[in-house]
Amino acid sequence: MSIEDVKDRIVEVMIRDLELNLNPEEVHGTSRLDDLFGMDSIAITELIIGIEKEFTIKIPAEDLSVEIFLDLGTLTEYVKKRLHDETTMYREGQDKTQC
């Protein structure tokens, strides 16, 4: 999945789960999430849950930091990395069971 696909899906999750009245085209990779959406702890929690469901990933509590949610670009990069890491772990687990 490309970084652009990840970004587009995150924007869809934001608009849907946070019930934002925005068009996806209005959201840019450098848009600060707190400025654009007025992100508070409840909104961030809803966004995390939405992203976990959308991408079938788990975001560990120790990874949660303000830096991840600074802007759409940093959040997209983080989700892309989680997707890669979890896919790699899944494949390694599959290889071990096939031995």
N, C-alpha and C. Protein backbone atom coordinates (compact mmCIF):
# COMPACT_ATOMS: atom_id res chain seq x y z
N MET A 1 0.85 -1.17 0.00
CA MET A 1 0.00 0.00 0.00
C MET A 1 0.90 1.24 0.00
N SER A 2 0.60 2.17 -0.87
CA SER A 2 1.42 3.37 -0.98
C SER A 2 1.14 4.32 0.18
N ILE A 3 2.06 5.23 0.40
CA ILE A 3 1.91 6.23 1.46
C ILE A 3 0.69 7.10 1.18
N GLU A 4 0.43 7.36 -0.10
CA GLU A 4 -0.73 8.17 -0.48
C GLU A 4 -2.04 7.44 -0.16
N ASP A 5 -2.07 6.12 -0.39
CA ASP A 5 -3.25 5.32 -0.04
C ASP A 5 -3.51 5.35 1.47
N VAL A 6 -2.44 5.24 2.24
CA VAL A 6 -2.55 5.28 3.70
C VAL A 6 -3.12 6.64 4.13
N LYS A 7 -2.56 7.70 3.57
CA LYS A 7 -3.04 9.06 3.91
C LYS A 7 -4.51 9.22 3.58
N ASP A 8 -4.91 8.79 2.40
CA ASP A 8 -6.31 8.93 1.98
C ASP A 8 -7.25 8.17 2.92
N ARG A 9 -6.84 6.98 3.33
CA ARG A 9 -7.68 6.20 4.25
C ARG A 9 -7.74 6.83 5.64
N ILE A 10 -6.64 7.42 6.09
CA ILE A 10 -6.65 8.11 7.38
C ILE A 10 -7.60 9.30 7.31
N VAL A 11 -7.56 10.05 6.23
CA VAL A 11 -8.46 11.19 6.06
C VAL A 11 -9.92 10.72 6.08
N GLU A 12 -10.19 9.61 5.41
CA GLU A 12 -11.56 9.06 5.42
C GLU A 12 -11.99 8.70 6.85
N VAL A 13 -11.09 8.09 7.62
CA VAL A 13 -11.39 7.73 9.01
C VAL A 13 -11.67 9.00 9.81
N MET A 14 -10.83 10.02 9.65
CA MET A 14 -11.02 11.27 10.39
C MET A 14 -12.39 11.88 10.10
N ILE A 15 -12.71 11.99 8.83
CA ILE A 15 -13.97 12.61 8.45
C ILE A 15 -15.16 11.80 8.95
N ARG A 16 -15.06 10.48 8.80
CA ARG A 16 -16.16 9.61 9.21
C ARG A 16 -16.29 9.52 10.73
N ASP A 17 -15.22 9.16 11.41
CA ASP A 17 -15.28 8.87 12.84
C ASP A 17 -15.36 10.12 13.72
N LEU A 18 -14.77 11.21 13.25
CA LEU A 18 -14.82 12.45 14.02
C LEU A 18 -15.96 13.35 13.55
N GLU A 19 -16.71 12.84 12.58
CA GLU A 19 -17.88 13.55 12.04
C GLU A 19 -17.53 14.98 11.64
N LEU A 20 -16.47 15.09 10.84
CA LEU A 20 -16.01 16.40 10.39
C LEU A 20 -16.75 16.81 9.12
N ASN A 21 -17.01 18.06 9.02
CA ASN A 21 -17.68 18.59 7.85
C ASN A 21 -16.62 19.16 6.90
N LEU A 22 -15.82 18.25 6.33
CA LEU A 22 -14.73 18.62 5.43
C LEU A 22 -14.75 17.73 4.21
N ASN A 23 -14.22 18.25 3.12
CA ASN A 23 -13.96 17.42 1.95
C ASN A 23 -12.53 16.90 2.08
N PRO A 24 -12.29 15.67 1.64
CA PRO A 24 -10.92 15.13 1.75
C PRO A 24 -9.87 16.02 1.09
N GLU A 25 -10.24 16.75 0.05
CA GLU A 25 -9.29 17.62 -0.65
C GLU A 25 -8.82 18.79 0.21
N GLU A 26 -9.59 19.10 1.26
CA GLU A 26 -9.23 20.22 2.14
C GLU A 26 -8.11 19.86 3.12
N VAL A 27 -7.81 18.58 3.24
CA VAL A 27 -6.82 18.11 4.21
C VAL A 27 -5.51 17.83 3.47
N HIS A 28 -4.46 18.44 3.93
CA HIS A 28 -3.14 18.27 3.32
C HIS A 28 -2.20 17.59 4.30
N GLY A 29 -1.16 16.98 3.78
CA GLY A 29 -0.20 16.24 4.61
C GLY A 29 0.44 17.08 5.68
N THR A 30 0.57 18.37 5.45
CA THR A 30 1.21 19.24 6.43
C THR A 30 0.20 19.93 7.34
N SER A 31 -1.09 19.60 7.18
CA SER A 31 -2.11 20.21 8.04
C SER A 31 -1.91 19.76 9.48
N ARG A 32 -1.77 20.72 10.38
CA ARG A 32 -1.67 20.39 11.81
C ARG A 32 -3.03 19.90 12.27
N LEU A 33 -3.04 18.75 12.91
CA LEU A 33 -4.30 18.14 13.31
C LEU A 33 -5.02 18.97 14.37
N ASP A 34 -4.26 19.57 15.29
CA ASP A 34 -4.92 20.36 16.33
C ASP A 34 -5.52 21.64 15.76
N ASP A 35 -4.87 22.24 14.78
CA ASP A 35 -5.42 23.45 14.14
C ASP A 35 -6.61 23.10 13.26
N LEU A 36 -6.47 22.07 12.48
CA LEU A 36 -7.49 21.72 11.50
C LEU A 36 -8.73 21.14 12.15
N PHE A 37 -8.54 20.29 13.15
CA PHE A 37 -9.66 19.56 13.73
C PHE A 37 -9.93 19.88 15.19
N GLY A 38 -9.10 20.72 15.82
CA GLY A 38 -9.28 20.99 17.23
C GLY A 38 -9.18 19.72 18.05
N MET A 39 -8.16 18.90 17.73
CA MET A 39 -8.01 17.59 18.37
C MET A 39 -7.83 17.72 19.87
N ASP A 40 -8.68 17.02 20.62
CA ASP A 40 -8.51 16.89 22.05
C ASP A 40 -8.32 15.41 22.36
N SER A 41 -8.21 15.05 23.62
CA SER A 41 -7.92 13.66 23.97
C SER A 41 -9.02 12.71 23.53
N ILE A 42 -10.26 13.14 23.58
CA ILE A 42 -11.37 12.28 23.14
C ILE A 42 -11.30 12.06 21.63
N ALA A 43 -11.04 13.12 20.88
CA ALA A 43 -10.94 12.99 19.43
C ALA A 43 -9.76 12.10 19.04
N ILE A 44 -8.65 12.25 19.73
CA ILE A 44 -7.48 11.42 19.43
C ILE A 44 -7.79 9.96 19.73
N THR A 45 -8.47 9.70 20.84
CA THR A 45 -8.84 8.32 21.18
C THR A 45 -9.75 7.73 20.10
N GLU A 46 -10.74 8.49 19.66
CA GLU A 46 -11.63 8.03 18.60
C GLU A 46 -10.87 7.78 17.31
N LEU A 47 -9.92 8.67 17.01
CA LEU A 47 -9.11 8.51 15.80
C LEU A 47 -8.25 7.26 15.89
N ILE A 48 -7.63 7.01 17.03
CA ILE A 48 -6.80 5.81 17.21
C ILE A 48 -7.64 4.55 16.99
N ILE A 49 -8.81 4.50 17.60
CA ILE A 49 -9.69 3.34 17.44
C ILE A 49 -10.08 3.17 15.97
N GLY A 50 -10.42 4.27 15.32
CA GLY A 50 -10.79 4.21 13.90
C GLY A 50 -9.66 3.72 13.02
N ILE A 51 -8.45 4.19 13.28
CA ILE A 51 -7.29 3.77 12.50
C ILE A 51 -6.99 2.29 12.75
N GLU A 52 -7.06 1.87 14.00
CA GLU A 52 -6.81 0.45 14.30
C GLU A 52 -7.80 -0.44 13.55
N LYS A 53 -9.05 -0.05 13.52
CA LYS A 53 -10.06 -0.84 12.81
C LYS A 53 -9.85 -0.80 11.30
N GLU A 54 -9.61 0.38 10.78
CA GLU A 54 -9.45 0.57 9.32
C GLU A 54 -8.28 -0.23 8.78
N PHE A 55 -7.16 -0.23 9.50
CA PHE A 55 -5.94 -0.85 9.00
C PHE A 55 -5.66 -2.21 9.65
N THR A 56 -6.50 -2.63 10.57
CA THR A 56 -6.32 -3.89 11.30
C THR A 56 -4.92 -3.93 11.92
N ILE A 57 -4.62 -2.88 12.66
CA ILE A 57 -3.35 -2.80 13.37
C ILE A 57 -3.64 -2.48 14.83
N LYS A 58 -2.62 -2.63 15.66
CA LYS A 58 -2.70 -2.24 17.06
C LYS A 58 -1.66 -1.17 17.30
N ILE A 59 -2.10 -0.06 17.86
CA ILE A 59 -1.17 1.02 18.21
C ILE A 59 -0.88 0.90 19.70
N PRO A 60 0.33 0.45 20.05
CA PRO A 60 0.66 0.25 21.46
C PRO A 60 0.68 1.57 22.23
N ALA A 61 0.29 1.52 23.48
CA ALA A 61 0.25 2.72 24.33
C ALA A 61 1.61 3.39 24.39
N GLU A 62 2.68 2.61 24.39
CA GLU A 62 4.02 3.22 24.49
C GLU A 62 4.40 4.01 23.24
N ASP A 63 3.70 3.79 22.14
CA ASP A 63 3.97 4.55 20.92
C ASP A 63 3.22 5.89 20.88
N LEU A 64 2.22 6.05 21.71
CA LEU A 64 1.40 7.24 21.67
C LEU A 64 2.18 8.44 22.18
N SER A 65 2.31 9.42 21.32
CA SER A 65 2.99 10.65 21.70
C SER A 65 2.40 11.79 20.88
N VAL A 66 2.61 12.98 21.36
CA VAL A 66 2.12 14.17 20.68
C VAL A 66 2.71 14.27 19.27
N GLU A 67 3.96 13.84 19.12
CA GLU A 67 4.64 13.96 17.83
C GLU A 67 3.91 13.21 16.71
N ILE A 68 3.34 12.06 17.02
CA ILE A 68 2.64 11.27 16.00
C ILE A 68 1.44 12.03 15.46
N PHE A 69 0.80 12.82 16.30
CA PHE A 69 -0.43 13.51 15.93
C PHE A 69 -0.22 14.98 15.59
N LEU A 70 1.02 15.39 15.35
CA LEU A 70 1.28 16.79 15.00
C LEU A 70 0.57 17.18 13.71
N ASP A 71 0.76 16.37 12.69
CA ASP A 71 0.13 16.66 11.41
C ASP A 71 -0.18 15.36 10.68
N LEU A 72 -0.88 15.49 9.60
CA LEU A 72 -1.30 14.31 8.84
C LEU A 72 -0.09 13.54 8.31
N GLY A 73 0.96 14.25 7.95
CA GLY A 73 2.16 13.59 7.43
C GLY A 73 2.81 12.67 8.45
N THR A 74 2.98 13.14 9.68
CA THR A 74 3.62 12.30 10.70
C THR A 74 2.73 11.13 11.08
N LEU A 75 1.42 11.35 11.13
CA LEU A 75 0.50 10.26 11.43
C LEU A 75 0.51 9.22 10.32
N THR A 76 0.53 9.67 9.08
CA THR A 76 0.57 8.76 7.93
C THR A 76 1.84 7.92 7.95
N GLU A 77 2.97 8.56 8.20
CA GLU A 77 4.24 7.83 8.25
C GLU A 77 4.22 6.78 9.36
N TYR A 78 3.67 7.14 10.52
CA TYR A 78 3.60 6.20 11.63
C TYR A 78 2.73 4.99 11.25
N VAL A 79 1.55 5.23 10.69
CA VAL A 79 0.65 4.13 10.33
C VAL A 79 1.30 3.25 9.26
N LYS A 80 1.95 3.85 8.29
CA LYS A 80 2.64 3.08 7.25
C LYS A 80 3.70 2.18 7.88
N LYS A 81 4.45 2.71 8.84
CA LYS A 81 5.48 1.91 9.52
C LYS A 81 4.83 0.76 10.31
N ARG A 82 3.73 1.03 11.02
CA ARG A 82 3.03 -0.03 11.77
C ARG A 82 2.54 -1.12 10.82
N LEU A 83 2.01 -0.72 9.68
CA LEU A 83 1.56 -1.71 8.69
C LEU A 83 2.71 -2.59 8.24
N HIS A 84 3.85 -1.96 7.97
CA HIS A 84 5.02 -2.71 7.54
C HIS A 84 5.50 -3.64 8.65
N ASP A 85 5.61 -3.12 9.88
CA ASP A 85 6.09 -3.91 11.00
C ASP A 85 5.18 -5.11 11.27
N GLU A 86 3.87 -4.88 11.27
CA GLU A 86 2.94 -5.97 11.57
C GLU A 86 2.89 -6.99 10.44
N THR A 87 3.03 -6.55 9.20
CA THR A 87 3.08 -7.48 8.07
C THR A 87 4.33 -8.34 8.17
N THR A 88 5.44 -7.71 8.52
CA THR A 88 6.70 -8.44 8.67
C THR A 88 6.60 -9.47 9.79
N MET A 89 6.02 -9.07 10.94
CA MET A 89 5.87 -10.00 12.06
C MET A 89 4.95 -11.16 11.68
N TYR A 90 3.88 -10.88 10.95
CA TYR A 90 2.94 -11.91 10.52
C TYR A 90 3.65 -12.91 9.59
N ARG A 91 4.41 -12.38 8.64
CA ARG A 91 5.12 -13.26 7.71
C ARG A 91 6.16 -14.11 8.42
N GLU A 92 6.88 -13.52 9.37
CA GLU A 92 7.88 -14.28 10.13
C GLU A 92 7.19 -15.38 10.93
N GLY A 93 6.05 -15.10 11.50
CA GLY A 93 5.28 -16.10 12.24
C GLY A 93 4.82 -17.23 11.34
N GLN A 94 4.42 -16.89 10.13
CA GLN A 94 3.98 -17.90 9.15
C GLN A 94 5.14 -18.80 8.76
N ASP A 95 6.31 -18.20 8.55
CA ASP A 95 7.49 -18.99 8.18
C ASP A 95 7.85 -19.99 9.26
N LYS A 96 7.73 -19.60 10.52
CA LYS A 96 8.06 -20.50 11.63
C LYS A 96 7.08 -21.66 11.73
N THR A 97 5.81 -21.42 11.42
CA THR A 97 4.82 -22.50 11.52
C THR A 97 4.92 -23.47 10.34
N GLN A 98 5.55 -23.04 9.26
CA GLN A 98 5.68 -23.91 8.10
C GLN A 98 6.91 -24.80 8.18
N CYS A 99 7.80 -24.55 9.11
CA CYS A 99 9.02 -25.35 9.25
C CYS A 99 8.74 -26.71 9.80
